Amino acid sequence: MRVLVIASRKGGAGKTTVAGHLAVEAERSGDGPVALIDVDPQGSLADWWNNREGAAPHFVQTTLPRLDDDILRLKDSGPGFLIVDTPPALTATISQVIAHADLVVIPTRPSPHDLRSIGSTMDVAESLNKDMVFVINCAAPRTRITYETIALLSQHGTVAPTVLHQRVDFACSMIDGRTVMEVAGGSKSAGEVRELWYFLRQRMDRRRPKSDLVLPTRVPLNEDSRVLAQSEFNLEGQV
């Protein structure tokens, strides 16, 4: 089982939306079974899951004192991936969860407030020697601040080569426990989630060198993603 932790000190970065969408896309892509854990006291991911009609992805009810033991039990029970949503605060809880991560995903809106807040989350991941990836979320298409965010983040680590754009369907689909992949008709949002999961899955698959990672040819890149893919997004080790 590989553990994907969605973490950011900044509230409103989109952690819950990213966690739910990645879990559903992983199941749809044949990478399941997928388990979900919500350690955010607000319980937004748990509320979303309770509104779902299907049983997948599987939700694991746990508490912080039981968290370590429950994750170890999950590793023995067979899920392919565990995705953990975390609270918007830098607490001992975050370190406890990140300690289990195979990959830490840091959603970041292209805004000064979000960019100022990422340092502490990075510090925790780096102190625990964990691989991390920035995901640009809720971006307006073809805006200067999105491109500037790409450039800035790439100086501090890996930026996922897919930008998740600000669209109403992300929020609307989650009202009743769904995702953009599960609403009628195809959408650009669904394609972006598919691209993102493909990249993260390959990132966690250590059987392939990082230099061999490619985006799926079946999904055309949006314009912001093309810019990102051409900007040497895997500048690891540069701070």
Protein backbone atom coordinates (compact mmCIF):
# COMPACT_ATOMS: atom_id res chain seq x y z
CA MET A 1 0.00 0.00 0.00
CA ARG A 2 1.27 3.45 -0.91
CA VAL A 3 0.27 6.42 1.22
CA LEU A 4 -0.56 9.78 -0.33
CA VAL A 5 -0.91 12.63 2.18
CA ILE A 6 -2.63 15.87 1.13
CA ALA A 7 -1.21 18.63 3.31
CA SER A 8 -1.14 22.42 3.45
CA ARG A 9 -1.11 24.85 6.34
CA LYS A 10 -3.33 27.21 4.34
CA GLY A 11 -7.06 26.77 4.69
CA GLY A 12 -8.99 26.86 1.41
CA ALA A 13 -6.17 25.38 -0.64
CA GLY A 14 -8.49 22.60 -1.83
CA LYS A 15 -7.10 19.63 0.10
CA THR A 16 -10.46 17.88 0.51
CA THR A 17 -11.46 18.38 -3.12
CA VAL A 18 -8.10 17.07 -4.33
CA ALA A 19 -8.20 14.09 -1.95
CA GLY A 20 -11.69 12.99 -2.97
CA HIS A 21 -11.07 13.42 -6.68
CA LEU A 22 -7.76 11.55 -6.64
CA ALA A 23 -9.31 8.66 -4.69
CA VAL A 24 -12.19 8.28 -7.15
CA GLU A 25 -9.91 8.62 -10.17
CA ALA A 26 -7.57 5.97 -8.76
CA GLU A 27 -10.53 3.57 -8.48
CA ARG A 28 -11.74 4.45 -11.98
CA SER A 29 -8.25 3.90 -13.38
CA GLY A 30 -8.04 0.37 -11.98
CA ASP A 31 -5.53 1.27 -9.26
CA GLY A 32 -7.84 0.39 -6.37
CA PRO A 33 -8.91 -0.58 -3.91
CA VAL A 34 -8.36 2.86 -2.41
CA ALA A 35 -8.82 3.79 1.24
CA LEU A 36 -9.50 7.28 2.59
CA ILE A 37 -8.74 8.77 6.00
CA ASP A 38 -9.87 12.21 7.18
CA VAL A 39 -7.91 13.62 10.13
CA ASP A 40 -9.29 17.14 9.70
CA PRO A 41 -11.57 17.91 12.69
CA GLN A 42 -13.97 19.66 10.28
CA GLY A 43 -14.66 16.27 8.70
CA SER A 44 -15.37 17.64 5.22
CA LEU A 45 -14.04 14.56 3.44
CA ALA A 46 -16.07 12.28 5.71
CA ASP A 47 -19.20 14.34 5.01
CA TRP A 48 -18.58 14.06 1.26
CA TRP A 49 -18.08 10.30 1.48
CA ASN A 50 -21.26 9.85 3.54
CA ASN A 51 -23.20 11.38 0.63
CA ARG A 52 -21.79 8.95 -1.93
CA GLU A 53 -23.99 6.22 -3.36
CA GLY A 54 -21.22 3.68 -3.96
CA ALA A 55 -18.90 2.08 -1.43
CA ALA A 56 -15.68 2.93 -3.27
CA PRO A 57 -13.35 4.42 -2.29
CA HIS A 58 -13.39 2.83 1.14
CA PHE A 59 -13.50 5.20 4.11
CA VAL A 60 -11.60 4.32 7.28
CA GLN A 61 -12.91 5.77 10.52
CA THR A 62 -10.03 6.35 12.93
CA THR A 63 -8.77 8.63 15.68
CA LEU A 64 -5.36 10.16 16.23
CA PRO A 65 -4.41 7.74 19.04
CA ARG A 66 -5.29 4.82 16.73
CA LEU A 67 -3.94 6.32 13.52
CA ASP A 68 -0.54 4.61 13.44
CA ASP A 69 -1.98 1.17 14.24
CA ASP A 70 -4.83 1.57 11.75
CA ILE A 71 -2.45 2.50 8.94
CA LEU A 72 -0.28 -0.52 9.73
CA ARG A 73 -3.37 -2.75 9.66
CA LEU A 74 -4.41 -1.29 6.32
CA LYS A 75 -1.03 -2.19 4.86
CA ASP A 76 -1.79 -5.82 5.71
CA SER A 77 -5.39 -5.77 4.44
CA GLY A 78 -4.77 -5.01 0.80
CA PRO A 79 -5.64 -1.47 -0.40
CA GLY A 80 -3.40 -0.32 -3.21
CA PHE A 81 -3.43 3.29 -2.04
CA LEU A 82 -4.32 5.22 1.08
CA ILE A 83 -5.14 8.93 0.67
CA VAL A 84 -5.16 11.07 3.82
CA ASP A 85 -6.76 14.52 4.14
CA THR A 86 -5.24 16.74 6.82
CA PRO A 87 -6.31 19.88 8.73
CA PRO A 88 -5.29 23.41 7.68
CA ALA A 89 -2.84 23.90 10.53
CA LEU A 90 0.72 22.94 11.30
CA THR A 91 0.33 20.65 14.30
CA ALA A 92 1.83 17.46 15.66
CA THR A 93 -0.97 15.70 13.77
CA ILE A 94 0.54 16.74 10.45
CA SER A 95 3.94 15.33 11.33
CA GLN A 96 2.34 12.13 12.58
CA VAL A 97 0.51 11.62 9.29
CA ILE A 98 3.36 12.72 6.99
CA ALA A 99 5.62 10.21 8.73
CA HIS A 100 3.62 7.48 6.93
CA ALA A 101 3.64 9.15 3.50
CA ASP A 102 5.17 7.79 0.34
CA LEU A 103 4.30 11.12 -1.27
CA VAL A 104 3.15 14.44 0.17
CA VAL A 105 0.91 16.50 -2.12
CA ILE A 106 0.78 20.23 -1.33
CA PRO A 107 -2.17 21.94 -3.09
CA THR A 108 -1.45 25.60 -3.69
CA ARG A 109 -3.66 28.30 -5.13
CA PRO A 110 -1.81 30.85 -7.28
CA SER A 111 -2.03 33.59 -4.68
CA PRO A 112 0.48 35.40 -2.46
CA HIS A 113 -1.19 34.12 0.72
CA ASP A 114 -0.90 30.48 -0.36
CA LEU A 115 2.67 30.86 -1.51
CA ARG A 116 3.70 32.46 1.78
CA SER A 117 2.25 29.53 3.72
CA ILE A 118 3.94 26.61 1.96
CA GLY A 119 7.31 26.90 3.68
CA SER A 120 6.25 25.31 6.97
CA THR A 121 4.61 22.35 5.21
CA MET A 122 7.73 21.88 3.11
CA ASP A 123 9.87 21.96 6.25
CA VAL A 124 7.89 19.13 7.85
CA ALA A 125 8.12 16.95 4.72
CA GLU A 126 11.81 17.63 4.31
CA SER A 127 12.57 17.01 7.99
CA LEU A 128 10.99 13.56 7.61
CA ASN A 129 12.79 12.98 4.29
CA LYS A 130 9.53 12.63 2.38
CA ASP A 131 9.00 13.08 -1.33
CA MET A 132 6.65 15.99 -2.07
CA VAL A 133 4.86 17.51 -5.05
CA PHE A 134 3.15 20.87 -5.42
CA VAL A 135 -0.23 20.89 -7.17
CA ILE A 136 -1.46 24.24 -8.51
CA ASN A 137 -5.17 24.33 -7.74
CA CYS A 138 -8.08 26.70 -8.47
CA ALA A 139 -6.14 28.61 -11.12
CA ALA A 140 -7.63 31.03 -13.63
CA PRO A 141 -6.60 29.97 -17.15
CA ARG A 142 -3.79 31.80 -18.93
CA THR A 143 -3.10 34.32 -16.19
CA ARG A 144 0.24 35.83 -15.34
CA ILE A 145 0.01 34.89 -11.67
CA THR A 146 -0.42 31.21 -12.57
CA TYR A 147 2.76 31.26 -14.66
CA GLU A 148 4.61 33.16 -11.93
CA THR A 149 3.46 30.57 -9.39
CA ILE A 150 4.82 27.80 -11.61
CA ALA A 151 8.17 29.54 -11.84
CA LEU A 152 8.40 30.21 -8.11
CA LEU A 153 7.38 26.75 -6.92
CA SER A 154 9.73 25.02 -9.36
CA GLN A 155 12.63 26.65 -7.52
CA HIS A 156 11.68 24.75 -4.37
CA GLY A 157 10.67 21.32 -5.61
CA THR A 158 8.58 19.31 -8.03
CA VAL A 159 5.42 20.87 -9.47
CA ALA A 160 2.86 18.45 -10.91
CA PRO A 161 2.64 19.02 -14.69
CA THR A 162 -1.12 19.56 -14.54
CA VAL A 163 -2.91 22.69 -13.38
CA LEU A 164 -6.34 22.25 -11.78
CA HIS A 165 -8.42 25.23 -12.86
CA GLN A 166 -11.14 27.10 -11.05
CA ARG A 167 -14.45 25.68 -12.27
CA VAL A 168 -17.88 25.43 -10.72
CA ASP A 169 -18.16 21.70 -11.46
CA PHE A 170 -15.51 20.84 -8.86
CA ALA A 171 -17.61 22.29 -6.04
CA CYS A 172 -21.02 21.35 -7.42
CA SER A 173 -20.16 17.72 -7.97
CA MET A 174 -19.02 17.27 -4.36
CA ILE A 175 -22.29 18.54 -2.88
CA ASP A 176 -23.90 15.12 -3.29
CA GLY A 177 -20.83 12.94 -2.90
CA ARG A 178 -19.67 12.84 -6.49
CA THR A 179 -16.69 14.13 -8.44
CA VAL A 180 -16.34 15.83 -11.82
CA MET A 181 -15.65 12.43 -13.36
CA GLU A 182 -19.08 11.21 -12.26
CA VAL A 183 -21.31 13.98 -13.60
CA ALA A 184 -23.02 13.79 -16.96
CA GLY A 185 -20.90 14.70 -19.95
CA GLY A 186 -17.15 14.99 -20.27
CA SER A 187 -15.40 18.02 -18.88
CA LYS A 188 -11.99 19.64 -18.91
CA SER A 189 -11.90 19.21 -15.15
CA ALA A 190 -12.17 15.44 -15.43
CA GLY A 191 -9.27 15.40 -17.87
CA GLU A 192 -7.13 17.42 -15.49
CA VAL A 193 -7.82 15.04 -12.61
CA ARG A 194 -6.96 12.11 -14.86
CA GLU A 195 -3.65 13.72 -15.87
CA LEU A 196 -2.82 14.53 -12.26
CA TRP A 197 -3.51 11.02 -10.96
CA TYR A 198 -1.43 9.53 -13.75
CA PHE A 199 1.53 11.69 -12.80
CA LEU A 200 1.25 11.04 -9.06
CA ARG A 201 0.82 7.30 -9.55
CA GLN A 202 3.96 7.18 -11.67
CA ARG A 203 5.77 9.34 -9.16
CA MET A 204 5.11 6.76 -6.46
CA ASP A 205 6.06 3.88 -8.71
CA ARG A 206 9.76 3.56 -8.08
CA ARG A 207 10.14 0.87 -10.72
CA ARG A 208 10.38 3.58 -13.36
CA PRO A 209 13.05 6.30 -13.41
CA LYS A 210 11.72 9.83 -13.00
CA SER A 211 13.24 10.80 -16.34
CA ASP A 212 10.88 8.32 -18.03
CA LEU A 213 7.70 9.85 -16.64
CA VAL A 214 5.33 11.03 -19.35
CA LEU A 215 1.81 12.36 -19.35
CA PRO A 216 -0.93 10.16 -20.80
CA THR A 217 -1.31 10.66 -24.52
CA ARG A 218 -5.06 10.01 -24.36
CA VAL A 219 -5.63 13.30 -22.49
CA PRO A 220 -4.69 16.55 -24.26
CA LEU A 221 -2.82 19.00 -22.07
CA ASN A 222 -4.44 22.30 -21.29
CA GLU A 223 -2.45 25.42 -22.07
CA ASP A 224 -1.24 26.04 -18.53
CA SER A 225 -0.12 22.41 -18.28
CA ARG A 226 1.90 22.79 -21.47
CA VAL A 227 3.68 25.76 -20.00
CA LEU A 228 4.35 23.80 -16.84
CA ALA A 229 5.62 20.74 -18.67
CA GLN A 230 8.07 22.93 -20.56
CA SER A 231 9.35 24.69 -17.44
CA GLU A 232 11.58 21.93 -16.01
CA PHE A 233 9.05 21.22 -13.30
CA ASN A 234 11.18 18.55 -11.59
CA LEU A 235 13.88 20.82 -10.21
CA GLU A 236 14.36 18.75 -7.06
CA GLY A 237 16.89 19.79 -4.51
CA GLN A 238 16.87 23.45 -5.46
CA VAL A 239 15.88 25.77 -2.61
